[in-house]
Amino acid sequence: MESQSLHERVAIVTGAGRGIGRHIALGLAAMGARVALAARSEPELRAVQAAIEAAGGQAAVTPTDLARKADIVRLVEGTVEQFGALHILVNNAGVCPLTPLEEISEEEWDQVLTVNLKGTFLASQAALPHLRRAGRQGRLIILGSLAGQSGGMKAPAHYAASKAGLLGLTKLLAQRLAPDGVTVNCVSPATTESDLTAVWTPEFRASLAARIPLGRLCRPEEVAAAVCYLASDSAAFITGATLDVNGGVYLR
């Protein structure tokens, strides 16, 4: 069996300040990776950094707005300058305003597509030369969603559209980077326990859980485990795939 260790490898995790991104960053650091933490909120990133360092790991903080190309380039180049390389990019950051279909403004549509789809593309583009240099240790992982596969259970239109776009982007990048040995995969969770879902009413949460065959919402650490697996050497022959973490609500 291939090693699960990521010792001496460098990872960037976007949206690392909370929820799924926080668990991904902690998981990669526990496997030995040095992790660059990116999100808009510096205090949240500092808390994650402190947790990683308290466990003996290494982490750097770069406040980043994924809607700004200059921020993305600064993140990637700063990570390489500080740690000397980049092996793993996890495109996790995203926004999901729960606006009804009839009420979505043009401005809000553009915001969601810019952060979720364009931001992922720009981060991937900026990382390409470094991932290619990493060769068979190169990993590009994109956080999709059940919403992008089936329309989701209660997903807003702009969010579903952006996540569907990420599925196509994953396949294209996998084809382009395979000759360099770099793998590109997507992880698509169902509705996940998070700061967003925590404010929903118990009745609404229960109605969503009831539609999932396993009878509950996804946990962020379960999504992180899937990402960490795809980042490892054990997943070296998996590329262009979407790994479903959805409790059986969407079967292919």
Protein backbone atom coordinates (compact mmCIF):
# COMPACT_ATOMS: atom_id res chain seq x y z
CA MET A 1 0.00 0.00 0.00
CA GLU A 2 1.21 3.49 -0.82
CA SER A 3 2.15 5.89 1.98
CA GLN A 4 -0.45 8.22 3.46
CA SER A 5 2.28 10.61 4.61
CA LEU A 6 2.51 14.10 3.13
CA HIS A 7 5.80 14.91 4.85
CA GLU A 8 7.75 17.69 3.11
CA ARG A 9 4.81 18.55 0.84
CA VAL A 10 3.19 21.96 0.64
CA ALA A 11 -0.54 22.55 0.36
CA ILE A 12 -2.81 25.55 -0.14
CA VAL A 13 -6.35 25.34 1.21
CA THR A 14 -8.77 28.10 0.28
CA GLY A 15 -11.69 28.85 2.56
CA ALA A 16 -9.58 27.42 5.38
CA GLY A 17 -10.93 29.53 8.23
CA ARG A 18 -14.00 27.51 9.10
CA GLY A 19 -16.14 24.47 8.31
CA ILE A 20 -14.93 22.00 5.72
CA GLY A 21 -11.86 24.06 4.84
CA ARG A 22 -10.70 24.15 8.45
CA HIS A 23 -10.99 20.37 8.74
CA ILE A 24 -9.16 19.89 5.45
CA ALA A 25 -6.28 22.09 6.61
CA LEU A 26 -6.05 20.27 9.95
CA GLY A 27 -6.16 16.89 8.19
CA LEU A 28 -3.42 17.71 5.68
CA ALA A 29 -1.23 19.14 8.45
CA ALA A 30 -1.74 15.99 10.52
CA MET A 31 -0.41 14.01 7.55
CA GLY A 32 2.75 16.13 7.57
CA ALA A 33 2.02 18.79 4.96
CA ARG A 34 2.97 22.41 5.46
CA VAL A 35 -0.27 24.28 4.85
CA ALA A 36 -0.94 27.77 3.51
CA LEU A 37 -4.30 28.93 4.86
CA ALA A 38 -6.38 31.28 2.71
CA ALA A 39 -9.68 33.04 3.40
CA ARG A 40 -10.97 36.57 3.87
CA SER A 41 -11.03 36.49 7.69
CA GLU A 42 -7.55 36.70 9.18
CA PRO A 43 -8.70 36.02 12.79
CA GLU A 44 -10.29 32.74 11.71
CA LEU A 45 -7.15 31.75 9.81
CA ARG A 46 -4.98 32.58 12.82
CA ALA A 47 -7.07 30.24 14.96
CA VAL A 48 -6.55 27.40 12.50
CA GLN A 49 -2.84 28.18 12.30
CA ALA A 50 -2.61 28.06 16.10
CA ALA A 51 -4.32 24.66 16.17
CA ILE A 52 -1.94 23.26 13.54
CA GLU A 53 1.15 24.61 15.27
CA ALA A 54 -0.02 23.38 18.67
CA ALA A 55 -0.09 19.89 17.16
CA GLY A 56 3.47 20.28 15.86
CA GLY A 57 2.66 21.26 12.28
CA GLN A 58 3.54 24.24 10.09
CA ALA A 59 1.06 26.72 8.66
CA ALA A 60 1.07 30.16 7.06
CA VAL A 61 -1.75 32.67 6.85
CA THR A 62 -2.63 34.70 3.76
CA PRO A 63 -5.89 36.69 3.87
CA THR A 64 -7.31 36.23 0.38
CA ASP A 65 -10.34 37.39 -1.55
CA LEU A 66 -11.01 34.73 -4.19
CA ALA A 67 -12.85 37.33 -6.27
CA ARG A 68 -9.56 39.19 -6.82
CA LYS A 69 -6.95 37.76 -9.19
CA ALA A 70 -4.18 39.80 -7.58
CA ASP A 71 -4.95 38.22 -4.20
CA ILE A 72 -4.86 34.73 -5.73
CA VAL A 73 -1.52 35.30 -7.44
CA ARG A 74 -0.10 36.73 -4.21
CA LEU A 75 -1.30 33.67 -2.32
CA VAL A 76 0.30 31.17 -4.69
CA GLU A 77 3.57 33.00 -5.19
CA GLY A 78 3.87 33.84 -1.49
CA THR A 79 3.36 30.20 -0.56
CA VAL A 80 6.09 29.05 -2.94
CA GLU A 81 8.42 31.78 -1.72
CA GLN A 82 7.89 30.82 1.93
CA PHE A 83 7.84 27.02 1.66
CA GLY A 84 9.88 26.48 -1.51
CA ALA A 85 7.30 24.52 -3.51
CA LEU A 86 3.62 23.76 -4.02
CA HIS A 87 2.37 20.18 -4.29
CA ILE A 88 -1.33 20.36 -3.37
CA LEU A 89 -4.02 22.91 -4.11
CA VAL A 90 -7.43 22.45 -2.50
CA ASN A 91 -10.03 24.78 -4.01
CA ASN A 92 -12.56 24.79 -1.19
CA ALA A 93 -13.68 28.42 -0.88
CA GLY A 94 -17.22 29.21 -1.94
CA VAL A 95 -20.31 31.25 -1.17
CA CYS A 96 -23.92 30.12 -1.05
CA PRO A 97 -26.55 32.84 -0.51
CA LEU A 98 -29.91 31.10 -0.01
CA THR A 99 -31.82 33.46 -2.28
CA PRO A 100 -35.00 32.17 -3.97
CA LEU A 101 -34.72 31.70 -7.74
CA GLU A 102 -37.06 34.59 -8.56
CA GLU A 103 -35.14 37.01 -6.32
CA ILE A 104 -31.54 36.45 -7.44
CA SER A 105 -30.13 39.71 -8.76
CA GLU A 106 -27.63 39.96 -11.58
CA GLU A 107 -25.07 41.27 -9.11
CA GLU A 108 -25.54 38.32 -6.75
CA TRP A 109 -25.37 35.83 -9.63
CA ASP A 110 -22.06 37.36 -10.73
CA GLN A 111 -20.68 37.30 -7.18
CA VAL A 112 -21.40 33.59 -6.68
CA LEU A 113 -20.05 32.56 -10.10
CA THR A 114 -16.98 34.77 -9.58
CA VAL A 115 -15.99 33.26 -6.22
CA ASN A 116 -17.05 29.65 -6.76
CA LEU A 117 -16.15 29.06 -10.40
CA LYS A 118 -13.89 31.84 -11.61
CA GLY A 119 -11.93 31.91 -8.34
CA THR A 120 -11.28 28.18 -8.59
CA PHE A 121 -10.14 28.57 -12.19
CA LEU A 122 -7.81 31.47 -11.37
CA ALA A 123 -6.28 29.66 -8.38
CA SER A 124 -5.76 26.54 -10.47
CA GLN A 125 -4.24 28.58 -13.30
CA ALA A 126 -1.84 30.35 -10.95
CA ALA A 127 -0.78 27.04 -9.40
CA LEU A 128 -0.25 25.17 -12.70
CA PRO A 129 3.51 25.71 -13.15
CA HIS A 130 4.21 24.72 -9.56
CA LEU A 131 1.97 21.64 -9.66
CA ARG A 132 3.61 20.56 -12.90
CA ARG A 133 6.98 20.95 -11.20
CA ALA A 134 5.71 18.72 -8.41
CA GLY A 135 4.99 16.01 -10.99
CA ARG A 136 3.63 12.79 -9.54
CA GLN A 137 3.23 14.44 -6.15
CA GLY A 138 1.03 17.15 -7.66
CA ARG A 139 -2.60 17.20 -6.56
CA LEU A 140 -5.39 19.59 -7.51
CA ILE A 141 -8.61 18.98 -5.57
CA ILE A 142 -11.86 20.85 -6.14
CA LEU A 143 -14.82 20.98 -3.76
CA GLY A 144 -17.98 20.39 -5.72
CA SER A 145 -21.44 19.70 -4.37
CA LEU A 146 -24.47 17.50 -4.74
CA ALA A 147 -26.05 20.69 -6.10
CA GLY A 148 -23.79 20.57 -9.15
CA GLN A 149 -24.70 16.96 -9.89
CA SER A 150 -28.45 16.81 -9.33
CA GLY A 151 -29.53 20.37 -8.50
CA GLY A 152 -29.25 19.53 -4.82
CA MET A 153 -32.05 19.33 -2.28
CA LYS A 154 -32.58 23.01 -1.52
CA ALA A 155 -29.68 24.64 -3.38
CA PRO A 156 -30.00 28.13 -4.91
CA ALA A 157 -29.68 28.39 -8.69
CA HIS A 158 -26.41 30.33 -8.86
CA TYR A 159 -24.72 27.95 -6.42
CA ALA A 160 -25.87 24.87 -8.37
CA ALA A 161 -24.71 26.40 -11.64
CA SER A 162 -21.29 27.28 -10.25
CA LYS A 163 -20.78 23.79 -8.82
CA ALA A 164 -21.87 22.15 -12.08
CA GLY A 165 -19.23 24.21 -13.84
CA LEU A 166 -16.60 22.86 -11.47
CA LEU A 167 -17.34 19.30 -12.59
CA GLY A 168 -16.46 20.21 -16.18
CA LEU A 169 -13.40 22.14 -15.06
CA THR A 170 -12.20 19.12 -13.06
CA LYS A 171 -12.37 16.87 -16.13
CA LEU A 172 -10.63 19.37 -18.38
CA LEU A 173 -7.80 20.01 -15.90
CA ALA A 174 -7.39 16.28 -15.32
CA GLN A 175 -6.87 15.73 -19.05
CA ARG A 176 -4.46 18.64 -19.39
CA LEU A 177 -2.32 17.75 -16.36
CA ALA A 178 -2.21 13.96 -16.64
CA PRO A 179 0.89 14.01 -18.90
CA ASP A 180 2.72 15.83 -16.09
CA GLY A 181 1.70 13.22 -13.51
CA VAL A 182 -0.58 15.65 -11.66
CA THR A 183 -4.00 14.34 -10.61
CA VAL A 184 -7.15 16.48 -10.55
CA ASN A 185 -10.26 15.34 -8.71
CA CYS A 186 -13.49 16.66 -7.25
CA VAL A 187 -15.14 15.89 -3.90
CA SER A 188 -18.91 16.41 -3.90
CA PRO A 189 -20.63 16.39 -0.52
CA ALA A 190 -24.31 16.57 0.29
CA THR A 191 -25.55 19.18 2.78
CA THR A 192 -22.89 19.41 5.46
CA GLU A 193 -22.96 20.51 9.09
CA SER A 194 -21.51 24.04 9.07
CA ASP A 195 -21.91 27.59 10.36
CA LEU A 196 -24.45 28.09 7.57
CA THR A 197 -26.60 25.08 8.39
CA ALA A 198 -26.34 25.72 12.14
CA VAL A 199 -28.68 28.71 11.82
CA TRP A 200 -31.35 26.73 9.98
CA THR A 201 -34.38 25.64 11.95
CA PRO A 202 -34.31 22.11 13.43
CA GLU A 203 -37.34 21.29 11.30
CA PHE A 204 -35.62 22.31 8.07
CA ARG A 205 -32.45 20.42 8.96
CA ALA A 206 -34.51 17.35 9.83
CA SER A 207 -36.35 17.54 6.50
CA LEU A 208 -33.04 17.50 4.62
CA ALA A 209 -31.62 14.67 6.72
CA ALA A 210 -34.75 12.62 6.09
CA ARG A 211 -34.05 12.69 2.34
CA ILE A 212 -30.58 11.17 2.82
CA PRO A 213 -30.61 7.35 2.99
CA LEU A 214 -28.09 7.32 5.87
CA GLY A 215 -30.46 9.60 7.78
CA ARG A 216 -28.24 12.54 8.67
CA LEU A 217 -26.30 15.47 7.26
CA CYS A 218 -22.67 15.09 6.25
CA ARG A 219 -19.97 16.05 8.76
CA PRO A 220 -17.10 18.32 7.67
CA GLU A 221 -14.45 15.90 8.87
CA GLU A 222 -15.89 13.26 6.52
CA VAL A 223 -15.39 15.56 3.54
CA ALA A 224 -11.89 16.37 4.77
CA ALA A 225 -11.05 12.66 4.95
CA ALA A 226 -11.96 12.27 1.28
CA VAL A 227 -9.77 15.23 0.33
CA CYS A 228 -6.84 13.93 2.37
CA TYR A 229 -7.13 10.55 0.66
CA LEU A 230 -7.04 12.14 -2.80
CA ALA A 231 -4.00 14.18 -1.73
CA SER A 232 -2.12 11.05 -0.68
CA ASP A 233 0.05 8.67 -2.71
CA SER A 234 -2.66 6.03 -2.28
CA ALA A 235 -4.77 7.97 -4.81
CA ALA A 236 -2.00 8.40 -7.38
CA PHE A 237 -3.95 6.57 -10.11
CA ILE A 238 -7.23 8.45 -9.60
CA THR A 239 -7.79 11.49 -11.78
CA GLY A 240 -10.75 13.21 -13.39
CA ALA A 241 -13.03 11.60 -10.82
CA THR A 242 -15.74 12.92 -8.53
CA LEU A 243 -15.78 11.32 -5.09
CA ASP A 244 -19.30 11.48 -3.64
CA VAL A 245 -19.69 12.05 0.10
CA ASN A 246 -23.47 12.20 0.21
CA GLY A 247 -24.89 9.41 2.34
CA GLY A 248 -26.48 7.73 -0.68
CA VAL A 249 -28.76 10.58 -1.69
CA TYR A 250 -27.32 10.64 -5.23
CA LEU A 251 -26.26 7.35 -6.80
CA ARG A 252 -24.45 6.96 -10.13
